[in-house]
PDB file of N, CA and C in Angstrom:
ATOM      1  N   UNK A   1      88.847 103.328 132.587  1.00  0.00           N
ATOM      2  CA  UNK A   1      88.363 102.524 131.438  1.00  0.00           C
ATOM      3  C   UNK A   1      89.134 102.249 130.063  1.00  0.00           C
ATOM      4  N   UNK A   2      89.515 101.168 130.817  1.00  0.00           N
ATOM      5  CA  UNK A   2      90.573 100.214 129.530  1.00  0.00           C
ATOM      6  C   UNK A   2      88.908  99.252 128.883  1.00  0.00           C
ATOM      7  N   UNK A   3      88.654  99.750 127.913  1.00  0.00           N
ATOM      8  CA  UNK A   3      87.966  98.388 126.136  1.00  0.00           C
ATOM      9  C   UNK A   3      88.476  97.366 125.832  1.00  0.00           C
ATOM     10  N   UNK A   4      88.630  95.971 126.312  1.00  0.00           N
ATOM     11  CA  UNK A   4      88.896  95.209 125.176  1.00  0.00           C
ATOM     12  C   UNK A   4      87.857  94.418 125.037  1.00  0.00           C
ATOM     13  N   UNK A   5      88.737  93.346 124.518  1.00  0.00           N
ATOM     14  CA  UNK A   5      87.835  91.865 123.347  1.00  0.00           C
ATOM     15  C   UNK A   5      87.582  91.840 122.093  1.00  0.00           C
ATOM     16  N   UNK A   6      88.307  91.959 121.121  1.00  0.00           N
ATOM     17  CA  UNK A   6      87.819  91.944 119.684  1.00  0.00           C
ATOM     18  C   UNK A   6      87.725  93.108 119.136  1.00  0.00           C
ATOM     19  N   UNK A   7      88.453  94.450 118.772  1.00  0.00           N
ATOM     20  CA  UNK A   7      88.785  94.927 118.769  1.00  0.00           C
ATOM     21  C   UNK A   7      90.080  95.704 118.267  1.00  0.00           C
ATOM     22  N   UNK A   8      89.499  94.980 116.564  1.00  0.00           N
ATOM     23  CA  UNK A   8      90.485  95.120 115.653  1.00  0.00           C
ATOM     24  C   UNK A   8      90.384  95.978 114.580  1.00  0.00           C
ATOM     25  N   UNK A   9      89.704  96.784 114.667  1.00  0.00           N
ATOM     26  CA  UNK A   9      88.877  97.991 113.762  1.00  0.00           C
ATOM     27  C   UNK A   9      89.029  98.953 114.092  1.00  0.00           C
ATOM     28  N   UNK A  10      90.123 100.307 113.429  1.00  0.00           N
ATOM     29  CA  UNK A  10      90.199 101.370 114.081  1.00  0.00           C
ATOM     30  C   UNK A  10      89.065 101.761 114.019  1.00  0.00           C
ATOM     31  N   UNK A  11      88.361 102.136 112.745  1.00  0.00           N
ATOM     32  CA  UNK A  11      86.525 102.359 112.475  1.00  0.00           C
ATOM     33  C   UNK A  11      86.015 102.298 114.090  1.00  0.00           C
ATOM     34  N   UNK A  12      86.019 101.683 114.327  1.00  0.00           N
ATOM     35  CA  UNK A  12      85.200 100.706 116.300  1.00  0.00           C
ATOM     36  C   UNK A  12      85.976 101.205 117.187  1.00  0.00           C
ATOM     37  N   UNK A  13      87.339 101.265 116.962  1.00  0.00           N
ATOM     38  CA  UNK A  13      88.434 101.400 118.492  1.00  0.00           C
ATOM     39  C   UNK A  13      87.783 103.205 118.400  1.00  0.00           C
ATOM     40  N   UNK A  14      87.585 103.784 117.594  1.00  0.00           N
ATOM     41  CA  UNK A  14      86.825 105.145 117.673  1.00  0.00           C
ATOM     42  C   UNK A  14      85.772 105.575 117.921  1.00  0.00           C
ATOM     43  N   UNK A  15      84.774 104.621 117.739  1.00  0.00           N
ATOM     44  CA  UNK A  15      83.929 104.903 117.988  1.00  0.00           C
ATOM     45  C   UNK A  15      83.839 104.345 119.764  1.00  0.00           C
ATOM     46  N   UNK A  16      84.190 103.611 119.961  1.00  0.00           N
ATOM     47  CA  UNK A  16      84.503 103.521 121.653  1.00  0.00           C
ATOM     48  C   UNK A  16      84.683 104.833 122.769  1.00  0.00           C
ATOM     49  N   UNK A  17      85.377 105.187 122.126  1.00  0.00           N
ATOM     50  CA  UNK A  17      86.018 106.472 122.989  1.00  0.00           C
ATOM     51  C   UNK A  17      85.347 107.862 122.548  1.00  0.00           C
ATOM     52  N   UNK A  18      85.200 108.505 121.000  1.00  0.00           N
ATOM     53  CA  UNK A  18      84.623 109.474 120.457  1.00  0.00           C
ATOM     54  C   UNK A  18      83.103 108.959 121.371  1.00  0.00           C
ATOM     55  N   UNK A  19      82.564 107.551 121.456  1.00  0.00           N
ATOM     56  CA  UNK A  19      80.976 108.373 122.332  1.00  0.00           C
ATOM     57  C   UNK A  19      81.387 108.173 124.202  1.00  0.00           C
ATOM     58  N   UNK A  20      82.501 108.010 123.731  1.00  0.00           N
ATOM     59  CA  UNK A  20      82.566 108.042 126.117  1.00  0.00           C
ATOM     60  C   UNK A  20      82.402 105.951 126.801  1.00  0.00           C
ATOM     61  N   UNK A  21      82.472 105.186 125.900  1.00  0.00           N
ATOM     62  CA  UNK A  21      82.142 103.607 126.660  1.00  0.00           C
ATOM     63  C   UNK A  21      83.954 103.895 126.857  1.00  0.00           C
ATOM     64  N   UNK A  22      85.004 103.776 127.333  1.00  0.00           N
ATOM     65  CA  UNK A  22      86.203 103.987 127.279  1.00  0.00           C
ATOM     66  C   UNK A  22      87.262 105.164 126.744  1.00  0.00           C
ATOM     67  N   UNK A  23      87.818 105.349 127.763  1.00  0.00           N
ATOM     68  CA  UNK A  23      89.442 106.241 128.112  1.00  0.00           C
ATOM     69  C   UNK A  23      90.094 105.834 127.019  1.00  0.00           C
ATOM     70  N   UNK A  24      90.334 103.971 127.228  1.00  0.00           N
ATOM     71  CA  UNK A  24      91.004 103.116 126.567  1.00  0.00           C
ATOM     72  C   UNK A  24      90.899 102.618 125.959  1.00  0.00           C
ATOM     73  N   UNK A  25      91.886 101.839 124.536  1.00  0.00           N
ATOM     74  CA  UNK A  25      91.254 100.506 123.574  1.00  0.00           C
ATOM     75  C   UNK A  25      92.422  99.261 123.906  1.00  0.00           C
ATOM     76  N   UNK A  26      92.180  98.310 124.301  1.00  0.00           N
ATOM     77  CA  UNK A  26      93.175  97.773 123.822  1.00  0.00           C
ATOM     78  C   UNK A  26      93.229  96.350 122.507  1.00  0.00           C
ATOM     79  N   UNK A  27      93.910  96.330 122.303  1.00  0.00           N
ATOM     80  CA  UNK A  27      94.742  96.053 120.421  1.00  0.00           C
ATOM     81  C   UNK A  27      95.588  95.030 120.400  1.00  0.00           C
ATOM     82  N   UNK A  28      95.944  94.813 121.664  1.00  0.00           N
ATOM     83  CA  UNK A  28      96.689  94.058 121.043  1.00  0.00           C
ATOM     84  C   UNK A  28      96.921  92.623 120.189  1.00  0.00           C
ATOM     85  N   UNK A  29      95.652  91.820 120.003  1.00  0.00           N
ATOM     86  CA  UNK A  29      95.627  90.921 118.732  1.00  0.00           C
ATOM     87  C   UNK A  29      95.932  91.712 117.399  1.00  0.00           C
ATOM     88  N   UNK A  30      94.774  92.844 117.243  1.00  0.00           N
ATOM     89  CA  UNK A  30      94.569  93.729 116.196  1.00  0.00           C
ATOM     90  C   UNK A  30      96.491  94.637 115.376  1.00  0.00           C
ATOM     91  N   UNK A  31      97.488  94.237 117.529  1.00  0.00           N
ATOM     92  CA  UNK A  31      98.120  95.053 116.411  1.00  0.00           C
ATOM     93  C   UNK A  31      99.507  94.022 116.458  1.00  0.00           C
ATOM     94  N   UNK A  32      99.767  92.410 116.948  1.00  0.00           N
ATOM     95  CA  UNK A  32     100.388  91.305 116.446  1.00  0.00           C
ATOM     96  C   UNK A  32      99.902  90.883 114.772  1.00  0.00           C
ATOM     97  N   UNK A  33      98.477  90.942 114.344  1.00  0.00           N
ATOM     98  CA  UNK A  33      98.238  90.673 113.393  1.00  0.00           C
ATOM     99  C   UNK A  33      99.024  91.661 112.780  1.00  0.00           C
ATOM    100  N   UNK A  34      98.667  92.637 113.175  1.00  0.00           N
ATOM    101  CA  UNK A  34      99.450  94.178 111.727  1.00  0.00           C
ATOM    102  C   UNK A  34     100.176  95.306 112.713  1.00  0.00           C
ATOM    103  N   UNK A  35     101.362  95.261 112.938  1.00  0.00           N
ATOM    104  CA  UNK A  35     101.867  95.883 114.283  1.00  0.00           C
ATOM    105  C   UNK A  35     101.684  97.528 113.294  1.00  0.00           C
ATOM    106  N   UNK A  36     101.332  97.453 112.808  1.00  0.00           N
ATOM    107  CA  UNK A  36     101.450  99.266 111.719  1.00  0.00           C
ATOM    108  C   UNK A  36     100.126 100.009 110.755  1.00  0.00           C
ATOM    109  N   UNK A  37      98.986  98.679 112.277  1.00  0.00           N
ATOM    110  CA  UNK A  37      98.204  99.215 112.194  1.00  0.00           C
ATOM    111  C   UNK A  37      97.272 100.958 112.587  1.00  0.00           C
ATOM    112  N   UNK A  38      97.840 101.475 113.100  1.00  0.00           N
ATOM    113  CA  UNK A  38      98.045 102.982 113.535  1.00  0.00           C
ATOM    114  C   UNK A  38      98.376 103.966 112.589  1.00  0.00           C
ATOM    115  N   UNK A  39      99.463 103.460 111.958  1.00  0.00           N
ATOM    116  CA  UNK A  39     100.302 104.062 111.720  1.00  0.00           C
ATOM    117  C   UNK A  39      99.136 104.604 109.690  1.00  0.00           C
ATOM    118  N   UNK A  40      98.758 103.138 109.682  1.00  0.00           N
ATOM    119  CA  UNK A  40      98.221 103.315 108.320  1.00  0.00           C
ATOM    120  C   UNK A  40      97.341 103.698 108.527  1.00  0.00           C
ATOM    121  N   UNK A  41      96.690 103.719 109.845  1.00  0.00           N
ATOM    122  CA  UNK A  41      94.967 104.231 109.554  1.00  0.00           C
ATOM    123  C   UNK A  41      95.493 106.274 109.980  1.00  0.00           C
ATOM    124  N   UNK A  42      96.182 106.629 110.594  1.00  0.00           N
ATOM    125  CA  UNK A  42      96.590 107.460 110.005  1.00  0.00           C
ATOM    126  C   UNK A  42      97.042 108.431 108.777  1.00  0.00           C
ATOM    127  N   UNK A  43      97.705 107.190 108.223  1.00  0.00           N
ATOM    128  CA  UNK A  43      97.534 107.581 106.575  1.00  0.00           C
ATOM    129  C   UNK A  43      97.085 107.175 105.628  1.00  0.00           C
ATOM    130  N   UNK A  44      95.422 107.243 106.751  1.00  0.00           N
ATOM    131  CA  UNK A  44      94.116 106.319 105.360  1.00  0.00           C
ATOM    132  C   UNK A  44      94.515 105.651 104.561  1.00  0.00           C
ATOM    133  N   UNK A  45      94.964 104.489 104.760  1.00  0.00           N
ATOM    134  CA  UNK A  45      95.630 103.242 104.652  1.00  0.00           C
ATOM    135  C   UNK A  45      95.317 101.863 104.517  1.00  0.00           C
ATOM    136  N   UNK A  46      94.360 102.534 104.711  1.00  0.00           N
ATOM    137  CA  UNK A  46      92.759 100.750 105.947  1.00  0.00           C
ATOM    138  C   UNK A  46      92.897  99.439 105.200  1.00  0.00           C
ATOM    139  N   UNK A  47      92.537 100.474 103.729  1.00  0.00           N
ATOM    140  CA  UNK A  47      92.920  98.718 102.526  1.00  0.00           C
ATOM    141  C   UNK A  47      93.835  97.895 102.931  1.00  0.00           C
ATOM    142  N   UNK A  48      94.855  98.741 103.254  1.00  0.00           N
ATOM    143  CA  UNK A  48      96.006  98.178 103.699  1.00  0.00           C
ATOM    144  C   UNK A  48      96.490  98.286 104.955  1.00  0.00           C
ATOM    145  N   UNK A  49      95.705  97.134 105.659  1.00  0.00           N
ATOM    146  CA  UNK A  49      96.247  96.553 107.695  1.00  0.00           C
ATOM    147  C   UNK A  49      95.349  95.247 106.868  1.00  0.00           C
ATOM    148  N   UNK A  50      96.189  93.906 107.799  1.00  0.00           N
ATOM    149  CA  UNK A  50      96.158  92.755 108.040  1.00  0.00           C
ATOM    150  C   UNK A  50      95.352  92.732 108.705  1.00  0.00           C
ATOM    151  N   UNK A  51      94.345  91.910 108.773  1.00  0.00           N
ATOM    152  CA  UNK A  51      93.475  92.405 110.062  1.00  0.00           C
ATOM    153  C   UNK A  51      93.000  91.100 110.938  1.00  0.00           C
ATOM    154  N   UNK A  52      93.007  91.580 111.640  1.00  0.00           N
ATOM    155  CA  UNK A  52      93.033  90.228 112.778  1.00  0.00           C
ATOM    156  C   UNK A  52      91.807  88.931 112.493  1.00  0.00           C
ATOM    157  N   UNK A  53      91.998  88.228 112.649  1.00  0.00           N
ATOM    158  CA  UNK A  53      90.227  86.893 112.342  1.00  0.00           C
ATOM    159  C   UNK A  53      90.468  86.483 113.881  1.00  0.00           C
ATOM    160  N   UNK A  54      90.811  86.502 114.916  1.00  0.00           N
ATOM    161  CA  UNK A  54      90.563  86.397 115.432  1.00  0.00           C
ATOM    162  C   UNK A  54      90.190  84.528 115.791  1.00  0.00           C
ATOM    163  N   UNK A  55      91.099  83.929 115.378  1.00  0.00           N
ATOM    164  CA  UNK A  55      90.843  82.947 115.137  1.00  0.00           C
ATOM    165  C   UNK A  55      92.290  82.291 116.805  1.00  0.00           C
ATOM    166  N   UNK A  56      92.644  82.986 117.030  1.00  0.00           N
ATOM    167  CA  UNK A  56      93.454  83.065 118.758  1.00  0.00           C
ATOM    168  C   UNK A  56      94.377  82.273 119.225  1.00  0.00           C
ATOM    169  N   UNK A  57      94.939  82.110 117.800  1.00  0.00           N
ATOM    170  CA  UNK A  57      95.887  81.343 117.342  1.00  0.00           C
ATOM    171  C   UNK A  57      97.393  82.157 118.182  1.00  0.00           C
ATOM    172  N   UNK A  58      97.484  83.254 118.884  1.00  0.00           N
ATOM    173  CA  UNK A  58      98.234  84.261 119.810  1.00  0.00           C
ATOM    174  C   UNK A  58      98.128  83.938 120.984  1.00  0.00           C
ATOM    175  N   UNK A  59      97.157  83.093 121.096  1.00  0.00           N
ATOM    176  CA  UNK A  59      96.418  83.534 122.932  1.00  0.00           C
ATOM    177  C   UNK A  59      97.415  81.611 123.164  1.00  0.00           C
ATOM    178  N   UNK A  60      97.241  81.032 122.490  1.00  0.00           N
ATOM    179  CA  UNK A  60      97.668  79.357 123.028  1.00  0.00           C
ATOM    180  C   UNK A  60      98.438  79.177 123.794  1.00  0.00           C
ATOM    181  N   UNK A  61      99.744  79.515 123.198  1.00  0.00           N
ATOM    182  CA  UNK A  61     100.845  79.011 124.292  1.00  0.00           C
ATOM    183  C   UNK A  61     101.111  80.259 125.189  1.00  0.00           C
ATOM    184  N   UNK A  62     100.824  81.355 125.608  1.00  0.00           N
ATOM    185  CA  UNK A  62     100.550  82.318 126.921  1.00  0.00           C
ATOM    186  C   UNK A  62     100.698  81.842 128.269  1.00  0.00           C
ATOM    187  N   UNK A  63     100.565  80.091 128.025  1.00  0.00           N
ATOM    188  CA  UNK A  63     100.247  80.041 130.317  1.00  0.00           C
ATOM    189  C   UNK A  63     102.070  79.412 130.133  1.00  0.00           C
ATOM    190  N   UNK A  64     102.602  79.126 128.908  1.00  0.00           N
ATOM    191  CA  UNK A  64     103.226  78.223 128.401  1.00  0.00           C
ATOM    192  C   UNK A  64     104.381  78.921 128.969  1.00  0.00           C
ATOM    193  N   UNK A  65     104.069  80.257 128.101  1.00  0.00           N
ATOM    194  CA  UNK A  65     105.749  81.570 128.169  1.00  0.00           C
ATOM    195  C   UNK A  65     106.071  81.697 126.712  1.00  0.00           C
ATOM    196  N   UNK A  66     105.336  80.817 125.384  1.00  0.00           N
ATOM    197  CA  UNK A  66     106.039  80.503 124.506  1.00  0.00           C
ATOM    198  C   UNK A  66     105.681  80.801 123.529  1.00  0.00           C
ATOM    199  N   UNK A  67     106.352  81.164 122.288  1.00  0.00           N
ATOM    200  CA  UNK A  67     106.838  82.300 121.692  1.00  0.00           C
ATOM    201  C   UNK A  67     104.819  83.014 120.823  1.00  0.00           C
ATOM    202  N   UNK A  68     104.591  84.011 120.536  1.00  0.00           N
ATOM    203  CA  UNK A  68     103.624  84.886 119.881  1.00  0.00           C
ATOM    204  C   UNK A  68     103.352  84.249 118.802  1.00  0.00           C
ATOM    205  N   UNK A  69     102.388  82.903 118.106  1.00  0.00           N
ATOM    206  CA  UNK A  69     102.469  83.195 116.286  1.00  0.00           C
ATOM    207  C   UNK A  69     100.540  84.002 116.307  1.00  0.00           C
ATOM    208  N   UNK A  70     101.363  84.084 115.263  1.00  0.00           N
ATOM    209  CA  UNK A  70      99.675  84.943 114.296  1.00  0.00           C
ATOM    210  C   UNK A  70      99.357  84.087 112.887  1.00  0.00           C
ATOM    211  N   UNK A  71      98.370  84.247 113.021  1.00  0.00           N
ATOM    212  CA  UNK A  71      98.300  82.806 111.288  1.00  0.00           C
ATOM    213  C   UNK A  71      97.953  83.923 110.603  1.00  0.00           C
ATOM    214  N   UNK A  72      97.520  85.264 110.724  1.00  0.00           N
ATOM    215  CA  UNK A  72      97.775  86.449 109.605  1.00  0.00           C
ATOM    216  C   UNK A  72      99.297  87.199 109.370  1.00  0.00           C
ATOM    217  N   UNK A  73      99.941  86.651 110.873  1.00  0.00           N
ATOM    218  CA  UNK A  73     101.386  87.844 110.432  1.00  0.00           C
ATOM    219  C   UNK A  73     102.327  86.268 110.816  1.00  0.00           C
ATOM    220  N   UNK A  74     103.396  85.967 110.012  1.00  0.00           N
ATOM    221  CA  UNK A  74     104.178  85.212 110.062  1.00  0.00           C
ATOM    222  C   UNK A  74     104.812  85.675 111.485  1.00  0.00           C
ATOM    223  N   UNK A  75     106.119  86.660 111.488  1.00  0.00           N
ATOM    224  CA  UNK A  75     106.664  87.469 111.927  1.00  0.00           C
ATOM    225  C   UNK A  75     106.311  87.929 113.446  1.00  0.00           C
ATOM    226  N   UNK A  76     105.164  88.283 113.700  1.00  0.00           N
ATOM    227  CA  UNK A  76     105.089  87.874 114.961  1.00  0.00           C
ATOM    228  C   UNK A  76     105.295  87.257 115.630  1.00  0.00           C
ATOM    229  N   UNK A  77     106.294  88.088 116.587  1.00  0.00           N
ATOM    230  CA  UNK A  77     106.632  87.078 117.677  1.00  0.00           C
ATOM    231  C   UNK A  77     107.682  86.551 117.894  1.00  0.00           C
ATOM    232  N   UNK A  78     108.415  87.517 116.044  1.00  0.00           N
ATOM    233  CA  UNK A  78     110.116  86.797 115.902  1.00  0.00           C
ATOM    234  C   UNK A  78     110.703  88.395 116.112  1.00  0.00           C
ATOM    235  N   UNK A  79     112.064  87.905 116.766  1.00  0.00           N
ATOM    236  CA  UNK A  79     112.708  88.984 117.387  1.00  0.00           C
ATOM    237  C   UNK A  79     113.931  88.834 115.736  1.00  0.00           C
ATOM    238  N   UNK A  80     113.872  90.966 115.184  1.00  0.00           N
ATOM    239  CA  UNK A  80     114.605  90.679 114.195  1.00  0.00           C
ATOM    240  C   UNK A  80     116.060  90.411 114.746  1.00  0.00           C
ATOM    241  N   UNK A  81     117.133  90.268 113.838  1.00  0.00           N
ATOM    242  CA  UNK A  81     117.727  90.650 114.534  1.00  0.00           C
ATOM    243  C   UNK A  81     118.945  92.109 113.150  1.00  0.00           C
ATOM    244  N   UNK A  82     119.001  92.870 114.399  1.00  0.00           N
ATOM    245  CA  UNK A  82     119.622  94.048 113.782  1.00  0.00           C
ATOM    246  C   UNK A  82     120.724  94.078 112.877  1.00  0.00           C
TER     247      UNK A  82
END
């Protein structure tokens, strides 16, 4: 069972798992907002997480296969040059 929909807080995600409400949590929008959310959580740096504000800007171009745009993370959807 996968829980999804507005799970953008690691504390809430953990409670969903710990209480047996799901086996996995789906946090795509949270990862767009801050790709380092898991690392920061493990390090206890939750105050440094750039939180998703659920504006849904990232979902606007899905049907048209447009690049992802994130209001709180302008680098989301932009390929890095190596």
